[in-house]
Amino acid sequence: MSGHDTRAIDTVVNLHTPEVVRLRPDWSGRFHTRKFGRDDSVLEGYTLERMLQMMDAAGTERAFLVAHKTGQLGLPGSWHLPYETVAEAVARYPDRFHGLAGIDPTEGMAGVRGLEAAVRDLGFIGAHAYPHWFELPPDHARWYPFYAKCVELDVPVLLQVGQSLVYEPRRPLRSVGRPITLDAVACDFPELKLVGIHVGIPWADEMIAMAWKHENVFIIADAHAPKYWPESFVRYIDSYGRHKVMFGTDFPVLDFARYRAEVDALGLRPESYRAFLRDNALRVFGVAP
């Protein structure tokens, strides 16, 4: 199936306006251009209006914007995007954007209260975390207060699984996000909507196993170009995992149009295609159509 007759919900998008680009550390621009081959426009950023134009051209109806917490502040390469910055974008275009609240496990209960305020007061629809930036695997106890709060708030938590890369050369980080580490979390929090992002590569089959085992575990297929996805992962999306996997670019890591074109080229069955592009996201995140 191809074409834009089915409007996509992009579940992982990084706000990348010129104002945000100025906040990002030096490693960020080099990372996008050298590691992922993006053109130099990524160094300047994109206005919200330009982002919406690109989304429209790719058939993307809505984007979930991450107010990420990339490492503990004060350490090399770490930085946080304020919740308020994402909330302002959502307020400007509430029919196109929703917010995801980043988690820093080193913030303890202050961070838990901040997450609660983001959901209750700012209308954010989920939480988001980078375990590798803290070198704390998803099953580490420091994440557990945040998981309990997500259950209480009835919002999903997104966790990067799979290998990490070297972002800031002065501080290479260990790959602590093996998908199997979600197993204990899913057992301890069966009510938690637990979402592994970045496919789980190079352990994609392990990520599939977690989503197959646990009713409350899901996958977002972001950050890796669809034409390079493992064959078993494509089969999973198009068969018994049809209700488990969601569309996401990790923009600007992947361009909206490129990702959509490569998804269309996979030749998914119509029912799998629609579930992947939008229906699963609407259900898991509890967003109205």
C-alpha atoms as a PDB file:
ATOM      1  CA  MET A   1       0.000   0.000   0.000  1.00  0.00           C
ATOM      2  CA  SER A   2       1.281   3.499  -0.764  1.00  0.00           C
ATOM      3  CA  GLY A   3       0.150   7.092  -0.964  1.00  0.00           C
ATOM      4  CA  HIS A   4      -1.027   9.468   1.721  1.00  0.00           C
ATOM      5  CA  ASP A   5      -4.651   8.401   2.024  1.00  0.00           C
ATOM      6  CA  THR A   6      -3.841   7.224   5.570  1.00  0.00           C
ATOM      7  CA  ARG A   7      -2.610  10.083   7.735  1.00  0.00           C
ATOM      8  CA  ALA A   8       0.252   9.121  10.023  1.00  0.00           C
ATOM      9  CA  ILE A   9       0.792   9.807  13.714  1.00  0.00           C
ATOM     10  CA  ASP A  10       4.522  10.369  14.281  1.00  0.00           C
ATOM     11  CA  THR A  11       5.116   9.230  17.856  1.00  0.00           C
ATOM     12  CA  VAL A  12       8.721  10.459  18.311  1.00  0.00           C
ATOM     13  CA  VAL A  13       9.692  13.900  17.008  1.00  0.00           C
ATOM     14  CA  ASN A  14      12.346  16.216  18.377  1.00  0.00           C
ATOM     15  CA  LEU A  15      11.467  19.896  18.426  1.00  0.00           C
ATOM     16  CA  HIS A  16      14.219  21.386  16.289  1.00  0.00           C
ATOM     17  CA  THR A  17      13.438  25.073  15.869  1.00  0.00           C
ATOM     18  CA  PRO A  18      16.256  27.634  15.495  1.00  0.00           C
ATOM     19  CA  GLU A  19      15.678  28.576  19.144  1.00  0.00           C
ATOM     20  CA  VAL A  20      16.079  24.967  20.273  1.00  0.00           C
ATOM     21  CA  VAL A  21      19.143  24.448  18.072  1.00  0.00           C
ATOM     22  CA  ARG A  22      20.844  27.280  19.955  1.00  0.00           C
ATOM     23  CA  LEU A  23      20.241  25.408  23.207  1.00  0.00           C
ATOM     24  CA  ARG A  24      21.716  22.150  21.960  1.00  0.00           C
ATOM     25  CA  PRO A  25      25.359  21.279  22.790  1.00  0.00           C
ATOM     26  CA  ASP A  26      28.078  21.276  20.149  1.00  0.00           C
ATOM     27  CA  TRP A  27      27.992  17.525  19.564  1.00  0.00           C
ATOM     28  CA  SER A  28      24.402  17.655  18.307  1.00  0.00           C
ATOM     29  CA  GLY A  29      24.952  19.211  14.882  1.00  0.00           C
ATOM     30  CA  ARG A  30      27.970  17.030  14.130  1.00  0.00           C
ATOM     31  CA  PHE A  31      25.957  13.990  15.150  1.00  0.00           C
ATOM     32  CA  HIS A  32      23.101  14.697  12.747  1.00  0.00           C
ATOM     33  CA  THR A  33      25.270  15.600   9.747  1.00  0.00           C
ATOM     34  CA  ARG A  34      28.153  13.142  10.098  1.00  0.00           C
ATOM     35  CA  LYS A  35      26.454  10.123  11.644  1.00  0.00           C
ATOM     36  CA  PHE A  36      23.097  10.354   9.864  1.00  0.00           C
ATOM     37  CA  GLY A  37      24.040  12.287   6.725  1.00  0.00           C
ATOM     38  CA  ARG A  38      21.508  15.078   7.159  1.00  0.00           C
ATOM     39  CA  ASP A  39      22.126  18.220   5.108  1.00  0.00           C
ATOM     40  CA  ASP A  40      23.267  21.476   6.680  1.00  0.00           C
ATOM     41  CA  SER A  41      19.695  22.737   7.128  1.00  0.00           C
ATOM     42  CA  VAL A  42      19.614  20.636  10.286  1.00  0.00           C
ATOM     43  CA  LEU A  43      22.255  22.949  11.745  1.00  0.00           C
ATOM     44  CA  GLU A  44      19.928  25.938  11.429  1.00  0.00           C
ATOM     45  CA  GLY A  45      16.716  24.285  12.586  1.00  0.00           C
ATOM     46  CA  TYR A  46      13.160  24.544  11.291  1.00  0.00           C
ATOM     47  CA  THR A  47      10.369  26.829  12.355  1.00  0.00           C
ATOM     48  CA  LEU A  48       7.173  25.193  13.554  1.00  0.00           C
ATOM     49  CA  GLU A  49       5.533  26.309  10.332  1.00  0.00           C
ATOM     50  CA  ARG A  50       8.291  24.677   8.256  1.00  0.00           C
ATOM     51  CA  MET A  51       7.973  21.488  10.293  1.00  0.00           C
ATOM     52  CA  LEU A  52       4.239  21.441   9.587  1.00  0.00           C
ATOM     53  CA  GLN A  53       4.881  21.929   5.864  1.00  0.00           C
ATOM     54  CA  MET A  54       7.253  18.945   5.871  1.00  0.00           C
ATOM     55  CA  MET A  55       4.754  16.888   7.856  1.00  0.00           C
ATOM     56  CA  ASP A  56       1.967  17.767   5.419  1.00  0.00           C
ATOM     57  CA  ALA A  57       4.116  16.792   2.437  1.00  0.00           C
ATOM     58  CA  ALA A  58       4.771  13.404   4.082  1.00  0.00           C
ATOM     59  CA  GLY A  59       1.147  12.787   5.036  1.00  0.00           C
ATOM     60  CA  THR A  60       1.792  13.201   8.772  1.00  0.00           C
ATOM     61  CA  GLU A  61      -1.222  14.419  10.690  1.00  0.00           C
ATOM     62  CA  ARG A  62       0.289  14.822  14.156  1.00  0.00           C
ATOM     63  CA  ALA A  63       3.645  14.674  15.910  1.00  0.00           C
ATOM     64  CA  PHE A  64       4.480  13.825  19.519  1.00  0.00           C
ATOM     65  CA  LEU A  65       7.195  16.284  20.577  1.00  0.00           C
ATOM     66  CA  VAL A  66       9.809  15.158  23.107  1.00  0.00           C
ATOM     67  CA  ALA A  67      10.839  17.532  25.902  1.00  0.00           C
ATOM     68  CA  HIS A  68      13.850  15.334  26.480  1.00  0.00           C
ATOM     69  CA  LYS A  69      16.232  15.129  29.392  1.00  0.00           C
ATOM     70  CA  THR A  70      19.519  14.086  27.829  1.00  0.00           C
ATOM     71  CA  GLY A  71      21.745  13.095  30.736  1.00  0.00           C
ATOM     72  CA  GLN A  72      22.348  14.607  34.151  1.00  0.00           C
ATOM     73  CA  LEU A  73      22.949  18.330  33.908  1.00  0.00           C
ATOM     74  CA  GLY A  74      26.540  19.373  34.514  1.00  0.00           C
ATOM     75  CA  LEU A  75      28.079  16.330  32.863  1.00  0.00           C
ATOM     76  CA  PRO A  76      29.732  16.613  29.410  1.00  0.00           C
ATOM     77  CA  GLY A  77      27.204  16.650  26.581  1.00  0.00           C
ATOM     78  CA  SER A  78      24.112  16.635  28.786  1.00  0.00           C
ATOM     79  CA  TRP A  79      21.223  19.042  28.302  1.00  0.00           C
ATOM     80  CA  HIS A  80      17.493  19.322  28.953  1.00  0.00           C
ATOM     81  CA  LEU A  81      14.777  20.842  26.802  1.00  0.00           C
ATOM     82  CA  PRO A  82      12.339  22.630  29.143  1.00  0.00           C
ATOM     83  CA  TYR A  83       8.838  21.229  29.272  1.00  0.00           C
ATOM     84  CA  GLU A  84       7.539  24.755  28.738  1.00  0.00           C
ATOM     85  CA  THR A  85       9.240  25.010  25.333  1.00  0.00           C
ATOM     86  CA  VAL A  86       7.335  21.993  24.043  1.00  0.00           C
ATOM     87  CA  ALA A  87       4.152  23.134  25.784  1.00  0.00           C
ATOM     88  CA  GLU A  88       4.329  26.438  23.888  1.00  0.00           C
ATOM     89  CA  ALA A  89       4.548  24.616  20.545  1.00  0.00           C
ATOM     90  CA  VAL A  90       1.606  22.413  21.501  1.00  0.00           C
ATOM     91  CA  ALA A  91      -0.415  25.467  22.550  1.00  0.00           C
ATOM     92  CA  ARG A  92       0.215  27.104  19.167  1.00  0.00           C
ATOM     93  CA  TYR A  93      -0.842  24.051  17.171  1.00  0.00           C
ATOM     94  CA  PRO A  94      -2.886  21.830  19.508  1.00  0.00           C
ATOM     95  CA  ASP A  95      -4.411  19.862  16.638  1.00  0.00           C
ATOM     96  CA  ARG A  96      -0.962  18.925  15.292  1.00  0.00           C
ATOM     97  CA  PHE A  97       1.333  18.495  18.307  1.00  0.00           C
ATOM     98  CA  HIS A  98       1.294  16.633  21.639  1.00  0.00           C
ATOM     99  CA  GLY A  99       3.999  16.665  24.326  1.00  0.00           C
ATOM    100  CA  LEU A 100       6.123  13.903  25.859  1.00  0.00           C
ATOM    101  CA  ALA A 101       7.861  14.666  29.170  1.00  0.00           C
ATOM    102  CA  GLY A 102      11.504  13.699  29.499  1.00  0.00           C
ATOM    103  CA  ILE A 103      12.719  11.859  32.600  1.00  0.00           C
ATOM    104  CA  ASP A 104      16.005  12.278  34.476  1.00  0.00           C
ATOM    105  CA  PRO A 105      16.132   9.517  37.122  1.00  0.00           C
ATOM    106  CA  THR A 106      18.769  11.407  39.115  1.00  0.00           C
ATOM    107  CA  GLU A 107      16.161  14.076  39.915  1.00  0.00           C
ATOM    108  CA  GLY A 108      14.321  11.708  42.238  1.00  0.00           C
ATOM    109  CA  MET A 109      10.973  12.801  43.606  1.00  0.00           C
ATOM    110  CA  ALA A 110      11.407  16.345  42.309  1.00  0.00           C
ATOM    111  CA  GLY A 111      11.495  14.825  38.836  1.00  0.00           C
ATOM    112  CA  VAL A 112       8.438  12.691  39.597  1.00  0.00           C
ATOM    113  CA  ARG A 113       6.510  15.783  40.675  1.00  0.00           C
ATOM    114  CA  GLY A 114       7.677  17.576  37.530  1.00  0.00           C
ATOM    115  CA  LEU A 115       6.398  14.708  35.381  1.00  0.00           C
ATOM    116  CA  GLU A 116       3.046  14.840  37.137  1.00  0.00           C
ATOM    117  CA  ALA A 117       2.775  18.582  36.547  1.00  0.00           C
ATOM    118  CA  ALA A 118       3.654  18.142  32.862  1.00  0.00           C
ATOM    119  CA  VAL A 119       0.785  15.691  32.421  1.00  0.00           C
ATOM    120  CA  ARG A 120      -1.806  17.299  34.682  1.00  0.00           C
ATOM    121  CA  ASP A 121      -1.074  20.981  34.003  1.00  0.00           C
ATOM    122  CA  LEU A 122       0.531  21.048  30.540  1.00  0.00           C
ATOM    123  CA  GLY A 123      -1.460  18.220  28.954  1.00  0.00           C
ATOM    124  CA  PHE A 124       1.500  15.997  28.064  1.00  0.00           C
ATOM    125  CA  ILE A 125       0.450  12.510  26.961  1.00  0.00           C
ATOM    126  CA  GLY A 126       3.471  10.387  27.913  1.00  0.00           C
ATOM    127  CA  ALA A 127       6.961  10.157  29.397  1.00  0.00           C
ATOM    128  CA  HIS A 128      10.250   9.635  27.573  1.00  0.00           C
ATOM    129  CA  ALA A 129      13.660   8.429  28.756  1.00  0.00           C
ATOM    130  CA  TYR A 130      17.192   7.745  27.511  1.00  0.00           C
ATOM    131  CA  PRO A 131      18.581   5.050  29.849  1.00  0.00           C
ATOM    132  CA  HIS A 132      22.040   5.111  28.236  1.00  0.00           C
ATOM    133  CA  TRP A 133      22.538   8.807  28.971  1.00  0.00           C
ATOM    134  CA  PHE A 134      22.450   7.892  32.659  1.00  0.00           C
ATOM    135  CA  GLU A 135      24.027   4.446  32.257  1.00  0.00           C
ATOM    136  CA  LEU A 136      21.080   3.079  34.223  1.00  0.00           C
ATOM    137  CA  PRO A 137      19.258   0.179  32.515  1.00  0.00           C
ATOM    138  CA  PRO A 138      15.447   0.308  32.370  1.00  0.00           C
ATOM    139  CA  ASP A 139      15.135  -2.187  35.230  1.00  0.00           C
ATOM    140  CA  HIS A 140      17.237  -0.080  37.636  1.00  0.00           C
ATOM    141  CA  ALA A 141      15.442   1.003  40.803  1.00  0.00           C
ATOM    142  CA  ARG A 142      15.977   4.720  40.140  1.00  0.00           C
ATOM    143  CA  TRP A 143      13.442   4.582  37.305  1.00  0.00           C
ATOM    144  CA  TYR A 144      10.755   2.868  39.378  1.00  0.00           C
ATOM    145  CA  PRO A 145       9.178   5.959  41.016  1.00  0.00           C
ATOM    146  CA  PHE A 146       8.631   7.364  37.516  1.00  0.00           C
ATOM    147  CA  TYR A 147       7.038   4.127  36.332  1.00  0.00           C
ATOM    148  CA  ALA A 148       4.664   4.163  39.312  1.00  0.00           C
ATOM    149  CA  LYS A 149       3.677   7.747  38.506  1.00  0.00           C
ATOM    150  CA  CYS A 150       3.040   6.836  34.848  1.00  0.00           C
ATOM    151  CA  VAL A 151       0.692   4.071  35.995  1.00  0.00           C
ATOM    152  CA  GLU A 152      -1.088   6.517  38.288  1.00  0.00           C
ATOM    153  CA  LEU A 153      -1.400   9.082  35.468  1.00  0.00           C
ATOM    154  CA  ASP A 154      -2.285   6.373  32.904  1.00  0.00           C
ATOM    155  CA  VAL A 155       0.334   7.511  30.396  1.00  0.00           C
ATOM    156  CA  PRO A 156       2.896   5.437  28.460  1.00  0.00           C
ATOM    157  CA  VAL A 157       6.618   5.677  29.089  1.00  0.00           C
ATOM    158  CA  LEU A 158       8.994   5.534  26.102  1.00  0.00           C
ATOM    159  CA  LEU A 159      12.479   4.113  26.679  1.00  0.00           C
ATOM    160  CA  GLN A 160      15.296   3.939  24.154  1.00  0.00           C
ATOM    161  CA  VAL A 161      16.313   0.325  23.723  1.00  0.00           C
ATOM    162  CA  GLY A 162      19.068  -1.193  21.644  1.00  0.00           C
ATOM    163  CA  GLN A 163      22.601   0.085  21.382  1.00  0.00           C
ATOM    164  CA  SER A 164      23.546   3.648  22.154  1.00  0.00           C
ATOM    165  CA  LEU A 165      26.040   5.594  20.065  1.00  0.00           C
ATOM    166  CA  VAL A 166      28.911   7.905  20.962  1.00  0.00           C
ATOM    167  CA  TYR A 167      27.307  11.328  21.167  1.00  0.00           C
ATOM    168  CA  GLU A 168      29.764  13.449  23.121  1.00  0.00           C
ATOM    169  CA  PRO A 169      33.269  12.038  22.423  1.00  0.00           C
ATOM    170  CA  ARG A 170      34.504  13.195  25.834  1.00  0.00           C
ATOM    171  CA  ARG A 171      31.948  10.891  27.461  1.00  0.00           C
ATOM    172  CA  PRO A 172      31.207   7.658  25.590  1.00  0.00           C
ATOM    173  CA  LEU A 173      28.248   5.855  27.117  1.00  0.00           C
ATOM    174  CA  ARG A 174      27.563   2.164  27.638  1.00  0.00           C
ATOM    175  CA  SER A 175      24.658   0.472  25.840  1.00  0.00           C
ATOM    176  CA  VAL A 176      22.483  -0.404  28.837  1.00  0.00           C
ATOM    177  CA  GLY A 177      19.170  -0.703  26.969  1.00  0.00           C
ATOM    178  CA  ARG A 178      18.983  -4.371  26.066  1.00  0.00           C
ATOM    179  CA  PRO A 179      15.282  -5.048  25.399  1.00  0.00           C
ATOM    180  CA  ILE A 180      15.358  -7.960  27.856  1.00  0.00           C
ATOM    181  CA  THR A 181      15.713  -5.372  30.650  1.00  0.00           C
ATOM    182  CA  LEU A 182      12.077  -4.430  29.999  1.00  0.00           C
ATOM    183  CA  ASP A 183      11.035  -7.896  31.158  1.00  0.00           C
ATOM    184  CA  ALA A 184      11.383  -7.189  34.878  1.00  0.00           C
ATOM    185  CA  VAL A 185       9.712  -3.788  34.480  1.00  0.00           C
ATOM    186  CA  ALA A 186       6.723  -5.294  32.676  1.00  0.00           C
ATOM    187  CA  CYS A 187       6.429  -7.977  35.351  1.00  0.00           C
ATOM    188  CA  ASP A 188       6.645  -5.453  38.191  1.00  0.00           C
ATOM    189  CA  PHE A 189       4.281  -2.961  36.531  1.00  0.00           C
ATOM    190  CA  PRO A 190       1.722  -4.929  34.494  1.00  0.00           C
ATOM    191  CA  GLU A 191      -0.482  -1.820  34.251  1.00  0.00           C
ATOM    192  CA  LEU A 192       2.333   0.305  32.779  1.00  0.00           C
ATOM    193  CA  LYS A 193       2.229   0.999  29.045  1.00  0.00           C
ATOM    194  CA  LEU A 194       5.885   0.338  28.329  1.00  0.00           C
ATOM    195  CA  VAL A 195       7.198   1.360  24.907  1.00  0.00           C
ATOM    196  CA  GLY A 196      10.624   0.437  23.541  1.00  0.00           C
ATOM    197  CA  ILE A 197      11.792   3.015  20.996  1.00  0.00           C
ATOM    198  CA  HIS A 198      14.534   2.807  18.336  1.00  0.00           C
ATOM    199  CA  VAL A 199      13.398  -0.730  17.336  1.00  0.00           C
ATOM    200  CA  GLY A 200      15.844  -2.404  19.726  1.00  0.00           C
ATOM    201  CA  ILE A 201      18.527  -2.836  17.061  1.00  0.00           C
ATOM    202  CA  PRO A 202      20.780  -4.848  17.123  1.00  0.00           C
ATOM    203  CA  TRP A 203      18.522  -6.889  19.435  1.00  0.00           C
ATOM    204  CA  ALA A 204      15.295  -6.391  17.470  1.00  0.00           C
ATOM    205  CA  ASP A 205      14.223 -10.021  17.918  1.00  0.00           C
ATOM    206  CA  GLU A 206      14.655  -9.606  21.657  1.00  0.00           C
ATOM    207  CA  MET A 207      12.382  -6.544  21.517  1.00  0.00           C
ATOM    208  CA  ILE A 208       9.805  -8.535  19.557  1.00  0.00           C
ATOM    209  CA  ALA A 209       9.974 -11.250  22.228  1.00  0.00           C
ATOM    210  CA  MET A 210       9.209  -8.715  24.974  1.00  0.00           C
ATOM    211  CA  ALA A 211       6.238  -7.270  23.084  1.00  0.00           C
ATOM    212  CA  TRP A 212       4.957 -10.784  22.352  1.00  0.00           C
ATOM    213  CA  LYS A 213       5.308 -11.894  25.973  1.00  0.00           C
ATOM    214  CA  HIS A 214       3.764  -8.862  27.666  1.00  0.00           C
ATOM    215  CA  GLU A 215       0.378  -7.329  26.869  1.00  0.00           C
ATOM    216  CA  ASN A 216       1.655  -3.974  28.150  1.00  0.00           C
ATOM    217  CA  VAL A 217       4.850  -3.759  26.030  1.00  0.00           C
ATOM    218  CA  PHE A 218       4.907  -1.964  22.672  1.00  0.00           C
ATOM    219  CA  ILE A 219       7.493  -0.837  20.107  1.00  0.00           C
ATOM    220  CA  ILE A 220       8.113   2.386  18.195  1.00  0.00           C
ATOM    221  CA  ALA A 221      10.032   1.892  14.956  1.00  0.00           C
ATOM    222  CA  ASP A 222      11.926   5.190  14.978  1.00  0.00           C
ATOM    223  CA  ALA A 223      15.519   6.343  14.377  1.00  0.00           C
ATOM    224  CA  HIS A 224      16.387   3.519  11.933  1.00  0.00           C
ATOM    225  CA  ALA A 225      15.532   3.852   8.242  1.00  0.00           C
ATOM    226  CA  PRO A 226      12.740   1.412   7.311  1.00  0.00           C
ATOM    227  CA  LYS A 227      14.651   0.016   4.327  1.00  0.00           C
ATOM    228  CA  TYR A 228      17.271  -1.291   6.778  1.00  0.00           C
ATOM    229  CA  TRP A 229      14.873  -2.866   9.300  1.00  0.00           C
ATOM    230  CA  PRO A 230      15.470  -6.568   9.935  1.00  0.00           C
ATOM    231  CA  GLU A 231      13.188  -8.824   7.899  1.00  0.00           C
ATOM    232  CA  SER A 232      11.798 -10.408  11.070  1.00  0.00           C
ATOM    233  CA  PHE A 233      10.728  -6.976  12.329  1.00  0.00           C
ATOM    234  CA  VAL A 234       8.867  -6.140   9.110  1.00  0.00           C
ATOM    235  CA  ARG A 235       7.134  -9.532   9.276  1.00  0.00           C
ATOM    236  CA  TYR A 236       6.161  -8.838  12.877  1.00  0.00           C
ATOM    237  CA  ILE A 237       4.549  -5.493  11.959  1.00  0.00           C
ATOM    238  CA  ASP A 238       2.640  -7.205   9.164  1.00  0.00           C
ATOM    239  CA  SER A 239       1.446 -10.254  11.125  1.00  0.00           C
ATOM    240  CA  TYR A 240       1.073 -11.174  14.790  1.00  0.00           C
ATOM    241  CA  GLY A 241       2.621  -7.868  15.928  1.00  0.00           C
ATOM    242  CA  ARG A 242       0.171  -5.758  13.949  1.00  0.00           C
ATOM    243  CA  HIS A 243      -1.248  -4.137  17.097  1.00  0.00           C
ATOM    244  CA  LYS A 244       2.077  -3.679  18.824  1.00  0.00           C
ATOM    245  CA  VAL A 245       4.265  -1.375  16.702  1.00  0.00           C
ATOM    246  CA  MET A 246       3.963   2.354  16.036  1.00  0.00           C
ATOM    247  CA  PHE A 247       5.212   4.782  13.398  1.00  0.00           C
ATOM    248  CA  GLY A 248       7.908   7.275  14.454  1.00  0.00           C
ATOM    249  CA  THR A 249      10.791   9.090  12.787  1.00  0.00           C
ATOM    250  CA  ASP A 250      12.898  10.542  15.626  1.00  0.00           C
ATOM    251  CA  PHE A 251      13.009  13.657  13.413  1.00  0.00           C
ATOM    252  CA  PRO A 252      15.448  15.232  12.583  1.00  0.00           C
ATOM    253  CA  VAL A 253      17.370  11.947  12.704  1.00  0.00           C
ATOM    254  CA  LEU A 254      15.118  10.793   9.854  1.00  0.00           C
ATOM    255  CA  ASP A 255      13.304  13.118   7.466  1.00  0.00           C
ATOM    256  CA  PHE A 256       9.506  12.882   7.482  1.00  0.00           C
ATOM    257  CA  ALA A 257       9.229  12.278   3.727  1.00  0.00           C
ATOM    258  CA  ARG A 258      12.026   9.706   3.540  1.00  0.00           C
ATOM    259  CA  TYR A 259      10.626   7.651   6.399  1.00  0.00           C
ATOM    260  CA  ARG A 260       7.108   7.649   4.959  1.00  0.00           C
ATOM    261  CA  ALA A 261       8.308   6.705   1.482  1.00  0.00           C
ATOM    262  CA  GLU A 262      10.345   3.804   2.852  1.00  0.00           C
ATOM    263  CA  VAL A 263       7.418   2.597   4.981  1.00  0.00           C
ATOM    264  CA  ASP A 264       5.173   2.705   1.906  1.00  0.00           C
ATOM    265  CA  ALA A 265       7.760   0.646   0.012  1.00  0.00           C
ATOM    266  CA  LEU A 266       7.523  -2.190   2.573  1.00  0.00           C
ATOM    267  CA  GLY A 267       4.242  -3.306   1.011  1.00  0.00           C
ATOM    268  CA  LEU A 268       2.402  -3.878   4.288  1.00  0.00           C
ATOM    269  CA  ARG A 269      -1.131  -5.275   4.199  1.00  0.00           C
ATOM    270  CA  PRO A 270      -3.777  -2.515   4.445  1.00  0.00           C
ATOM    271  CA  GLU A 271      -4.858  -3.478   7.959  1.00  0.00           C
ATOM    272  CA  SER A 272      -1.238  -3.633   9.163  1.00  0.00           C
ATOM    273  CA  TYR A 273      -0.386  -0.362   7.451  1.00  0.00           C
ATOM    274  CA  ARG A 274      -3.199   1.583   9.095  1.00  0.00           C
ATOM    275  CA  ALA A 275      -2.554   0.072  12.526  1.00  0.00           C
ATOM    276  CA  PHE A 276       1.137   0.945  12.273  1.00  0.00           C
ATOM    277  CA  LEU A 277       0.637   4.459  10.914  1.00  0.00           C
ATOM    278  CA  ARG A 278      -2.033   5.686  13.312  1.00  0.00           C
ATOM    279  CA  ASP A 279      -4.461   3.327  15.036  1.00  0.00           C
ATOM    280  CA  ASN A 280      -1.969   1.828  17.488  1.00  0.00           C
ATOM    281  CA  ALA A 281      -0.735   5.268  18.563  1.00  0.00           C
ATOM    282  CA  LEU A 282      -4.257   6.570  19.083  1.00  0.00           C
ATOM    283  CA  ARG A 283      -5.072   3.550  21.251  1.00  0.00           C
ATOM    284  CA  VAL A 284      -1.868   3.319  23.296  1.00  0.00           C
ATOM    285  CA  PHE A 285      -1.639   7.043  24.001  1.00  0.00           C
ATOM    286  CA  GLY A 286      -5.374   7.518  24.459  1.00  0.00           C
ATOM    287  CA  VAL A 287      -5.521  10.338  21.915  1.00  0.00           C
ATOM    288  CA  ALA A 288      -8.828  11.152  20.236  1.00  0.00           C
ATOM    289  CA  PRO A 289      -8.909  10.524  16.456  1.00  0.00           C
END
